[in-house]
N, C-alpha and C. Protein backbone atom coordinates (compact mmCIF):
# COMPACT_ATOMS: atom_id res chain seq x y z
N MET A 1 0.83 -1.17 0.00
CA MET A 1 0.00 0.00 0.00
C MET A 1 0.88 1.24 0.00
N ASP A 2 0.45 2.24 -0.75
CA ASP A 2 1.16 3.51 -0.84
C ASP A 2 0.22 4.65 -0.47
N ILE A 3 0.76 5.66 0.20
CA ILE A 3 0.03 6.89 0.48
C ILE A 3 0.65 7.96 -0.40
N ARG A 4 -0.19 8.67 -1.14
CA ARG A 4 0.31 9.73 -2.01
C ARG A 4 -0.67 10.89 -2.01
N GLU A 5 -0.20 12.04 -2.47
CA GLU A 5 -1.08 13.20 -2.59
C GLU A 5 -2.20 12.87 -3.58
N ARG A 6 -3.38 13.33 -3.24
CA ARG A 6 -4.51 13.13 -4.13
C ARG A 6 -4.35 14.01 -5.37
N ARG A 7 -4.71 13.45 -6.51
CA ARG A 7 -4.67 14.18 -7.77
C ARG A 7 -6.10 14.51 -8.21
N GLU A 8 -6.21 15.48 -9.06
CA GLU A 8 -7.51 15.85 -9.64
C GLU A 8 -8.18 14.63 -10.28
N SER A 9 -7.40 13.81 -10.92
CA SER A 9 -7.95 12.62 -11.59
C SER A 9 -8.48 11.58 -10.61
N ASP A 10 -8.19 11.72 -9.33
CA ASP A 10 -8.68 10.77 -8.31
C ASP A 10 -10.07 11.13 -7.79
N LEU A 11 -10.51 12.35 -8.03
CA LEU A 11 -11.72 12.84 -7.38
C LEU A 11 -12.96 12.00 -7.67
N ALA A 12 -13.19 11.62 -8.90
CA ALA A 12 -14.39 10.84 -9.25
C ALA A 12 -14.38 9.48 -8.54
N LEU A 13 -13.23 8.83 -8.50
CA LEU A 13 -13.14 7.53 -7.82
C LEU A 13 -13.34 7.68 -6.31
N CYS A 14 -12.78 8.74 -5.75
CA CYS A 14 -12.97 8.99 -4.31
C CYS A 14 -14.43 9.27 -3.99
N LEU A 15 -15.08 10.03 -4.84
CA LEU A 15 -16.49 10.33 -4.62
C LEU A 15 -17.34 9.07 -4.73
N GLU A 16 -17.03 8.22 -5.68
CA GLU A 16 -17.75 6.94 -5.81
C GLU A 16 -17.59 6.10 -4.54
N MET A 17 -16.38 6.02 -4.01
CA MET A 17 -16.14 5.28 -2.78
C MET A 17 -16.91 5.92 -1.62
N ALA A 18 -16.92 7.25 -1.57
CA ALA A 18 -17.64 7.95 -0.50
C ALA A 18 -19.13 7.62 -0.53
N TRP A 19 -19.72 7.51 -1.70
CA TRP A 19 -21.14 7.16 -1.81
C TRP A 19 -21.39 5.74 -1.28
N VAL A 20 -20.49 4.82 -1.57
CA VAL A 20 -20.62 3.45 -1.05
C VAL A 20 -20.57 3.47 0.47
N ILE A 21 -19.64 4.22 1.03
CA ILE A 21 -19.48 4.29 2.48
C ILE A 21 -20.67 5.01 3.12
N LYS A 22 -21.19 6.03 2.47
CA LYS A 22 -22.38 6.73 2.99
C LYS A 22 -23.54 5.75 3.11
N ALA A 23 -23.75 4.93 2.09
CA ALA A 23 -24.85 3.96 2.10
C ALA A 23 -24.63 2.89 3.17
N ARG A 24 -23.38 2.49 3.36
CA ARG A 24 -23.07 1.40 4.29
C ARG A 24 -22.99 1.86 5.75
N ASP A 25 -22.29 2.99 5.98
CA ASP A 25 -21.95 3.42 7.34
C ASP A 25 -22.62 4.72 7.78
N GLY A 26 -23.23 5.44 6.85
CA GLY A 26 -23.81 6.73 7.21
C GLY A 26 -22.79 7.84 7.32
N TYR A 27 -21.61 7.68 6.72
CA TYR A 27 -20.59 8.72 6.73
C TYR A 27 -20.44 9.29 5.33
N PRO A 28 -20.50 10.59 5.20
CA PRO A 28 -20.65 11.60 6.24
C PRO A 28 -22.10 11.69 6.72
N PRO A 29 -22.27 12.07 7.97
CA PRO A 29 -23.63 12.09 8.52
C PRO A 29 -24.48 13.25 8.03
N VAL A 30 -23.87 14.35 7.60
CA VAL A 30 -24.61 15.51 7.11
C VAL A 30 -23.87 16.13 5.93
N GLY A 31 -24.58 16.95 5.20
CA GLY A 31 -23.97 17.73 4.13
C GLY A 31 -24.02 17.06 2.78
N PRO A 32 -23.77 17.86 1.76
CA PRO A 32 -23.77 17.32 0.40
C PRO A 32 -22.55 16.43 0.18
N LEU A 33 -22.75 15.41 -0.60
CA LEU A 33 -21.66 14.49 -0.93
C LEU A 33 -21.29 14.72 -2.40
N ASP A 34 -20.43 15.71 -2.60
CA ASP A 34 -20.01 16.07 -3.94
C ASP A 34 -18.54 16.48 -3.91
N ILE A 35 -18.01 16.83 -5.05
CA ILE A 35 -16.60 17.19 -5.11
C ILE A 35 -16.36 18.57 -4.50
N GLU A 36 -17.16 19.55 -4.87
CA GLU A 36 -16.92 20.93 -4.44
C GLU A 36 -17.04 21.13 -2.93
N ASN A 37 -18.04 20.55 -2.30
CA ASN A 37 -18.27 20.75 -0.87
C ASN A 37 -17.63 19.69 0.01
N PHE A 38 -17.57 18.47 -0.47
CA PHE A 38 -17.07 17.38 0.37
C PHE A 38 -15.60 17.07 0.10
N LEU A 39 -15.24 16.81 -1.14
CA LEU A 39 -13.86 16.36 -1.42
C LEU A 39 -12.85 17.48 -1.63
N ALA A 40 -13.27 18.61 -2.12
CA ALA A 40 -12.29 19.66 -2.44
C ALA A 40 -12.82 21.04 -2.07
N PRO A 41 -13.21 21.25 -0.80
CA PRO A 41 -13.71 22.57 -0.39
C PRO A 41 -12.57 23.59 -0.30
N ALA A 42 -12.94 24.85 -0.25
CA ALA A 42 -11.96 25.94 -0.23
C ALA A 42 -11.00 25.86 0.95
N GLU A 43 -11.46 25.36 2.11
CA GLU A 43 -10.60 25.34 3.30
C GLU A 43 -9.59 24.18 3.31
N GLN A 44 -9.61 23.35 2.28
CA GLN A 44 -8.71 22.20 2.23
C GLN A 44 -7.27 22.66 1.97
N LEU A 45 -6.36 22.19 2.82
CA LEU A 45 -4.94 22.51 2.66
C LEU A 45 -4.22 21.44 1.85
N ALA A 46 -4.63 20.18 2.01
CA ALA A 46 -4.00 19.05 1.32
C ALA A 46 -4.91 17.83 1.44
N ALA A 47 -4.68 16.85 0.58
CA ALA A 47 -5.44 15.60 0.64
C ALA A 47 -4.56 14.48 0.09
N TRP A 48 -4.81 13.27 0.61
CA TRP A 48 -4.04 12.10 0.23
C TRP A 48 -4.97 10.93 -0.02
N VAL A 49 -4.47 9.98 -0.80
CA VAL A 49 -5.18 8.72 -1.00
C VAL A 49 -4.23 7.57 -0.68
N ALA A 50 -4.84 6.46 -0.33
CA ALA A 50 -4.09 5.21 -0.16
C ALA A 50 -4.38 4.37 -1.39
N GLU A 51 -3.34 3.76 -1.93
CA GLU A 51 -3.48 2.89 -3.09
C GLU A 51 -2.97 1.49 -2.75
N ALA A 52 -3.72 0.50 -3.20
CA ALA A 52 -3.29 -0.89 -3.11
C ALA A 52 -3.53 -1.50 -4.48
N ASP A 53 -2.49 -2.07 -5.05
CA ASP A 53 -2.60 -2.66 -6.40
C ASP A 53 -3.19 -1.67 -7.40
N SER A 54 -2.71 -0.44 -7.37
CA SER A 54 -3.14 0.64 -8.28
C SER A 54 -4.61 1.02 -8.14
N THR A 55 -5.22 0.67 -7.02
CA THR A 55 -6.61 1.01 -6.75
C THR A 55 -6.68 1.88 -5.51
N ILE A 56 -7.44 2.96 -5.58
CA ILE A 56 -7.61 3.82 -4.42
C ILE A 56 -8.48 3.10 -3.40
N VAL A 57 -7.95 2.99 -2.16
CA VAL A 57 -8.66 2.27 -1.10
C VAL A 57 -8.91 3.14 0.14
N GLY A 58 -8.51 4.41 0.08
CA GLY A 58 -8.76 5.29 1.22
C GLY A 58 -8.45 6.73 0.87
N HIS A 59 -8.96 7.63 1.70
CA HIS A 59 -8.81 9.07 1.47
C HIS A 59 -8.77 9.79 2.82
N ILE A 60 -8.01 10.88 2.87
CA ILE A 60 -7.99 11.76 4.04
C ILE A 60 -7.57 13.15 3.58
N ALA A 61 -8.03 14.16 4.31
CA ALA A 61 -7.68 15.54 3.96
C ALA A 61 -7.32 16.32 5.22
N LEU A 62 -6.66 17.42 5.00
CA LEU A 62 -6.31 18.36 6.06
C LEU A 62 -6.93 19.70 5.69
N HIS A 63 -7.73 20.24 6.62
CA HIS A 63 -8.39 21.52 6.40
C HIS A 63 -7.86 22.55 7.39
N ALA A 64 -7.95 23.81 6.99
CA ALA A 64 -7.62 24.89 7.90
C ALA A 64 -8.63 24.90 9.05
N GLY A 65 -8.19 25.34 10.20
CA GLY A 65 -9.06 25.39 11.38
C GLY A 65 -10.04 26.54 11.31
N SER A 66 -10.99 26.44 10.41
CA SER A 66 -12.01 27.49 10.23
C SER A 66 -12.93 27.55 11.44
N ASP A 67 -13.82 28.52 11.44
CA ASP A 67 -14.72 28.75 12.56
C ASP A 67 -15.93 27.80 12.50
N TYR A 68 -15.75 26.62 13.07
CA TYR A 68 -16.82 25.63 13.19
C TYR A 68 -17.04 25.35 14.67
N ALA A 69 -18.17 24.80 15.00
CA ALA A 69 -18.44 24.43 16.40
C ALA A 69 -17.38 23.45 16.90
N THR A 70 -16.98 22.52 16.03
CA THR A 70 -16.00 21.51 16.46
C THR A 70 -14.63 22.12 16.70
N THR A 71 -14.20 23.03 15.84
CA THR A 71 -12.88 23.64 16.04
C THR A 71 -12.91 24.65 17.19
N ARG A 72 -14.05 25.29 17.41
CA ARG A 72 -14.15 26.17 18.59
C ARG A 72 -13.95 25.37 19.87
N LEU A 73 -14.59 24.20 19.95
CA LEU A 73 -14.45 23.35 21.13
C LEU A 73 -13.01 22.88 21.29
N ALA A 74 -12.39 22.43 20.19
CA ALA A 74 -11.00 21.96 20.25
C ALA A 74 -10.05 23.10 20.65
N ALA A 75 -10.27 24.29 20.11
CA ALA A 75 -9.42 25.43 20.45
C ALA A 75 -9.53 25.76 21.93
N GLU A 76 -10.74 25.74 22.45
CA GLU A 76 -10.93 26.01 23.87
C GLU A 76 -10.26 24.94 24.72
N TYR A 77 -10.42 23.68 24.34
CA TYR A 77 -9.83 22.57 25.07
C TYR A 77 -8.30 22.68 25.11
N LEU A 78 -7.71 23.05 23.97
CA LEU A 78 -6.25 23.14 23.87
C LEU A 78 -5.69 24.49 24.34
N GLY A 79 -6.57 25.48 24.50
CA GLY A 79 -6.10 26.82 24.87
C GLY A 79 -5.32 27.49 23.75
N ARG A 80 -5.77 27.24 22.51
CA ARG A 80 -5.10 27.79 21.33
C ARG A 80 -6.14 28.44 20.42
N PRO A 81 -5.72 29.35 19.56
CA PRO A 81 -6.67 29.91 18.59
C PRO A 81 -7.01 28.87 17.51
N GLN A 82 -8.18 29.03 16.92
CA GLN A 82 -8.60 28.11 15.86
C GLN A 82 -7.63 28.10 14.70
N SER A 83 -6.98 29.21 14.46
CA SER A 83 -6.02 29.29 13.35
C SER A 83 -4.80 28.40 13.57
N ASP A 84 -4.60 27.92 14.80
CA ASP A 84 -3.49 27.01 15.11
C ASP A 84 -3.87 25.54 14.93
N LEU A 85 -5.10 25.29 14.47
CA LEU A 85 -5.57 23.91 14.35
C LEU A 85 -5.57 23.45 12.90
N GLY A 86 -5.29 22.16 12.72
CA GLY A 86 -5.42 21.50 11.43
C GLY A 86 -6.51 20.46 11.57
N LEU A 87 -7.61 20.63 10.86
CA LEU A 87 -8.74 19.73 10.96
C LEU A 87 -8.58 18.55 10.02
N ILE A 88 -8.42 17.37 10.58
CA ILE A 88 -8.36 16.14 9.79
C ILE A 88 -9.79 15.85 9.34
N ALA A 89 -10.00 15.67 8.05
CA ALA A 89 -11.35 15.56 7.51
C ALA A 89 -11.40 14.60 6.33
N ARG A 90 -12.62 14.29 5.94
CA ARG A 90 -12.89 13.48 4.74
C ARG A 90 -12.09 12.18 4.76
N PHE A 91 -12.13 11.55 5.91
CA PHE A 91 -11.35 10.35 6.19
C PHE A 91 -12.24 9.13 6.01
N PHE A 92 -11.93 8.33 5.00
CA PHE A 92 -12.69 7.10 4.77
C PHE A 92 -11.83 6.05 4.10
N VAL A 93 -12.15 4.79 4.40
CA VAL A 93 -11.41 3.65 3.87
C VAL A 93 -12.42 2.68 3.26
N ASP A 94 -12.08 2.16 2.11
CA ASP A 94 -12.92 1.15 1.45
C ASP A 94 -13.21 0.02 2.43
N PRO A 95 -14.48 -0.38 2.55
CA PRO A 95 -14.82 -1.43 3.53
C PRO A 95 -14.00 -2.71 3.37
N GLY A 96 -13.62 -3.06 2.18
CA GLY A 96 -12.84 -4.28 1.96
C GLY A 96 -11.39 -4.17 2.39
N HIS A 97 -10.95 -2.96 2.74
CA HIS A 97 -9.55 -2.76 3.15
C HIS A 97 -9.41 -2.26 4.58
N ARG A 98 -10.49 -2.31 5.33
CA ARG A 98 -10.42 -1.89 6.72
C ARG A 98 -9.69 -2.95 7.55
N ARG A 99 -9.13 -2.49 8.66
CA ARG A 99 -8.39 -3.35 9.59
C ARG A 99 -7.13 -3.95 8.93
N SER A 100 -6.61 -3.21 7.93
CA SER A 100 -5.40 -3.65 7.25
C SER A 100 -4.26 -2.64 7.39
N GLY A 101 -4.49 -1.58 8.16
CA GLY A 101 -3.47 -0.55 8.36
C GLY A 101 -3.66 0.67 7.47
N VAL A 102 -4.62 0.63 6.55
CA VAL A 102 -4.85 1.77 5.65
C VAL A 102 -5.23 3.01 6.45
N GLY A 103 -6.20 2.87 7.34
CA GLY A 103 -6.65 4.01 8.13
C GLY A 103 -5.55 4.59 8.98
N ARG A 104 -4.79 3.74 9.63
CA ARG A 104 -3.68 4.21 10.47
C ARG A 104 -2.65 4.97 9.64
N ALA A 105 -2.34 4.46 8.46
CA ALA A 105 -1.34 5.11 7.60
C ALA A 105 -1.84 6.46 7.10
N LEU A 106 -3.10 6.53 6.71
CA LEU A 106 -3.66 7.81 6.27
C LEU A 106 -3.68 8.82 7.41
N LEU A 107 -4.12 8.38 8.58
CA LEU A 107 -4.19 9.29 9.72
C LEU A 107 -2.79 9.77 10.11
N ALA A 108 -1.81 8.90 10.05
CA ALA A 108 -0.43 9.31 10.34
C ALA A 108 0.03 10.36 9.34
N GLN A 109 -0.27 10.17 8.06
CA GLN A 109 0.14 11.14 7.02
C GLN A 109 -0.45 12.52 7.30
N ALA A 110 -1.75 12.57 7.57
CA ALA A 110 -2.41 13.85 7.80
C ALA A 110 -1.93 14.50 9.09
N THR A 111 -1.68 13.70 10.11
CA THR A 111 -1.21 14.22 11.40
C THR A 111 0.19 14.82 11.25
N ILE A 112 1.06 14.14 10.57
CA ILE A 112 2.42 14.64 10.34
C ILE A 112 2.38 15.92 9.50
N ALA A 113 1.57 15.92 8.45
CA ALA A 113 1.47 17.11 7.59
C ALA A 113 0.93 18.30 8.36
N SER A 114 -0.02 18.05 9.25
CA SER A 114 -0.55 19.12 10.09
C SER A 114 0.56 19.70 10.97
N ALA A 115 1.30 18.84 11.64
CA ALA A 115 2.39 19.29 12.51
C ALA A 115 3.47 20.03 11.73
N GLU A 116 3.77 19.56 10.51
CA GLU A 116 4.78 20.22 9.68
C GLU A 116 4.36 21.65 9.32
N ARG A 117 3.06 21.91 9.32
CA ARG A 117 2.54 23.25 9.04
C ARG A 117 2.40 24.07 10.32
N GLY A 118 2.83 23.49 11.44
CA GLY A 118 2.73 24.18 12.72
C GLY A 118 1.32 24.17 13.29
N LEU A 119 0.50 23.23 12.84
CA LEU A 119 -0.89 23.14 13.29
C LEU A 119 -1.08 21.94 14.21
N HIS A 120 -1.95 22.09 15.19
CA HIS A 120 -2.27 20.96 16.07
C HIS A 120 -3.43 20.19 15.44
N PRO A 121 -3.25 18.90 15.17
CA PRO A 121 -4.30 18.11 14.52
C PRO A 121 -5.50 17.86 15.43
N VAL A 122 -6.68 18.08 14.88
CA VAL A 122 -7.94 17.77 15.56
C VAL A 122 -8.87 17.12 14.54
N LEU A 123 -9.89 16.45 15.05
CA LEU A 123 -10.89 15.87 14.15
C LEU A 123 -12.21 15.76 14.87
N ASP A 124 -13.26 15.57 14.09
CA ASP A 124 -14.56 15.32 14.67
C ASP A 124 -15.12 14.05 14.06
N VAL A 125 -15.98 13.38 14.82
CA VAL A 125 -16.53 12.10 14.38
C VAL A 125 -17.93 11.95 14.94
N ALA A 126 -18.85 11.50 14.09
CA ALA A 126 -20.21 11.25 14.56
C ALA A 126 -20.16 10.19 15.66
N THR A 127 -20.91 10.41 16.72
CA THR A 127 -20.83 9.55 17.91
C THR A 127 -21.19 8.10 17.63
N GLU A 128 -21.96 7.85 16.58
CA GLU A 128 -22.33 6.46 16.29
C GLU A 128 -21.27 5.70 15.48
N LEU A 129 -20.22 6.37 15.04
CA LEU A 129 -19.17 5.71 14.26
C LEU A 129 -18.13 5.11 15.21
N THR A 130 -18.54 4.12 15.97
CA THR A 130 -17.69 3.55 17.02
C THR A 130 -16.41 2.91 16.52
N PRO A 131 -16.37 2.27 15.34
CA PRO A 131 -15.07 1.76 14.88
C PRO A 131 -14.04 2.87 14.66
N ALA A 132 -14.48 4.01 14.12
CA ALA A 132 -13.57 5.14 13.92
C ALA A 132 -13.09 5.68 15.27
N ILE A 133 -14.01 5.81 16.21
CA ILE A 133 -13.65 6.29 17.55
C ILE A 133 -12.64 5.36 18.19
N ALA A 134 -12.84 4.04 18.04
CA ALA A 134 -11.90 3.07 18.61
C ALA A 134 -10.51 3.25 18.00
N LEU A 135 -10.44 3.52 16.71
CA LEU A 135 -9.14 3.76 16.07
C LEU A 135 -8.47 4.98 16.68
N TYR A 136 -9.17 6.09 16.77
CA TYR A 136 -8.57 7.31 17.30
C TYR A 136 -8.08 7.11 18.73
N GLU A 137 -8.90 6.50 19.54
CA GLU A 137 -8.52 6.30 20.94
C GLU A 137 -7.34 5.33 21.06
N SER A 138 -7.27 4.32 20.19
CA SER A 138 -6.15 3.38 20.25
C SER A 138 -4.83 4.05 19.89
N LEU A 139 -4.91 5.16 19.16
CA LEU A 139 -3.72 5.90 18.76
C LEU A 139 -3.40 7.07 19.69
N GLY A 140 -4.14 7.16 20.80
CA GLY A 140 -3.85 8.18 21.80
C GLY A 140 -4.56 9.51 21.62
N TRP A 141 -5.46 9.61 20.66
CA TRP A 141 -6.24 10.84 20.52
C TRP A 141 -7.13 10.98 21.74
N ARG A 142 -7.30 12.24 22.20
CA ARG A 142 -8.10 12.52 23.40
C ARG A 142 -9.41 13.20 23.02
N ARG A 143 -10.48 12.73 23.65
CA ARG A 143 -11.79 13.33 23.40
C ARG A 143 -11.86 14.67 24.13
N ALA A 144 -12.10 15.73 23.38
CA ALA A 144 -12.17 17.08 23.95
C ALA A 144 -13.60 17.43 24.36
N GLY A 145 -14.57 16.75 23.79
CA GLY A 145 -15.96 17.05 24.12
C GLY A 145 -16.88 16.69 22.98
N ARG A 146 -18.13 17.12 23.12
CA ARG A 146 -19.17 16.79 22.13
C ARG A 146 -19.91 18.06 21.74
N VAL A 147 -20.24 18.15 20.47
CA VAL A 147 -21.09 19.22 19.96
C VAL A 147 -22.23 18.59 19.17
N VAL A 148 -23.29 19.32 19.06
CA VAL A 148 -24.41 18.88 18.22
C VAL A 148 -24.49 19.85 17.04
N LEU A 149 -24.37 19.29 15.85
CA LEU A 149 -24.40 20.11 14.64
C LEU A 149 -25.81 20.12 14.05
N GLU A 150 -26.25 21.30 13.70
CA GLU A 150 -27.53 21.48 13.02
C GLU A 150 -27.23 22.25 11.74
N VAL A 151 -26.99 21.49 10.66
CA VAL A 151 -26.59 22.09 9.39
C VAL A 151 -27.34 21.46 8.23
N TRP A 152 -27.31 22.16 7.12
CA TRP A 152 -27.83 21.65 5.85
C TRP A 152 -29.30 21.22 5.92
N ASP A 153 -30.07 21.83 6.81
CA ASP A 153 -31.49 21.49 6.94
C ASP A 153 -31.71 20.00 7.16
N GLU A 154 -30.80 19.39 7.90
CA GLU A 154 -30.88 17.96 8.21
C GLU A 154 -31.05 17.79 9.71
N PRO A 155 -31.43 16.60 10.17
CA PRO A 155 -31.56 16.38 11.62
C PRO A 155 -30.23 16.64 12.33
N PRO A 156 -30.27 17.07 13.58
CA PRO A 156 -29.04 17.32 14.34
C PRO A 156 -28.19 16.05 14.45
N VAL A 157 -26.88 16.25 14.47
CA VAL A 157 -25.93 15.14 14.58
C VAL A 157 -24.96 15.42 15.73
N ALA A 158 -24.83 14.47 16.63
CA ALA A 158 -23.86 14.59 17.73
C ALA A 158 -22.48 14.20 17.22
N MET A 159 -21.51 15.06 17.48
CA MET A 159 -20.14 14.83 17.04
C MET A 159 -19.20 14.92 18.24
N ASP A 160 -18.32 13.92 18.35
CA ASP A 160 -17.25 13.99 19.35
C ASP A 160 -16.04 14.65 18.68
N VAL A 161 -15.37 15.48 19.43
CA VAL A 161 -14.19 16.19 18.95
C VAL A 161 -12.97 15.59 19.63
N TYR A 162 -11.97 15.24 18.82
CA TYR A 162 -10.74 14.63 19.33
C TYR A 162 -9.54 15.49 18.96
N VAL A 163 -8.56 15.49 19.84
CA VAL A 163 -7.30 16.19 19.60
C VAL A 163 -6.17 15.16 19.60
N ALA A 164 -5.20 15.39 18.73
CA ALA A 164 -4.07 14.46 18.63
C ALA A 164 -3.23 14.52 19.89
N PRO A 165 -2.56 13.42 20.20
CA PRO A 165 -1.66 13.44 21.35
C PRO A 165 -0.52 14.42 21.10
N ALA A 166 -0.01 14.99 22.17
CA ALA A 166 1.13 15.92 22.06
C ALA A 166 2.33 15.15 21.52
N ARG A 167 3.11 15.82 20.68
CA ARG A 167 4.29 15.18 20.09
C ARG A 167 5.51 15.56 20.85
């Protein structure tokens, strides 16, 4: 398996995988599932894919710590401004490649890239996504708290906010 920067030509395949995961796992829990808003929004600083046998099997992105309820909570928890945060986002792995190290490798890539930019990595996760939460906690991420998001004219979603362990 290789981790590399996402290319423009990867977007359609990543979006197709995201739709499969949305149907299977309910991720993402809210918002449009498209390229402009989900895979390549303006606040995105970088994105990577995992490849196995020349097939994309995972995706992760790093976003600027914009003014969201989740980053406000993380900033307060860490005692830092939101501009010092790197939001790990758009993290998904093909169901057939889970529990194979893909998720850990992607998360490590985004965490390192965040730190290299002088940003403290944070992320949010829907409270019902217990396998993802188990991964974060097994890697030492700390739960900073919970927020309830009411966006996109959809039902409210409870999100746990996690901060990366200190390096």
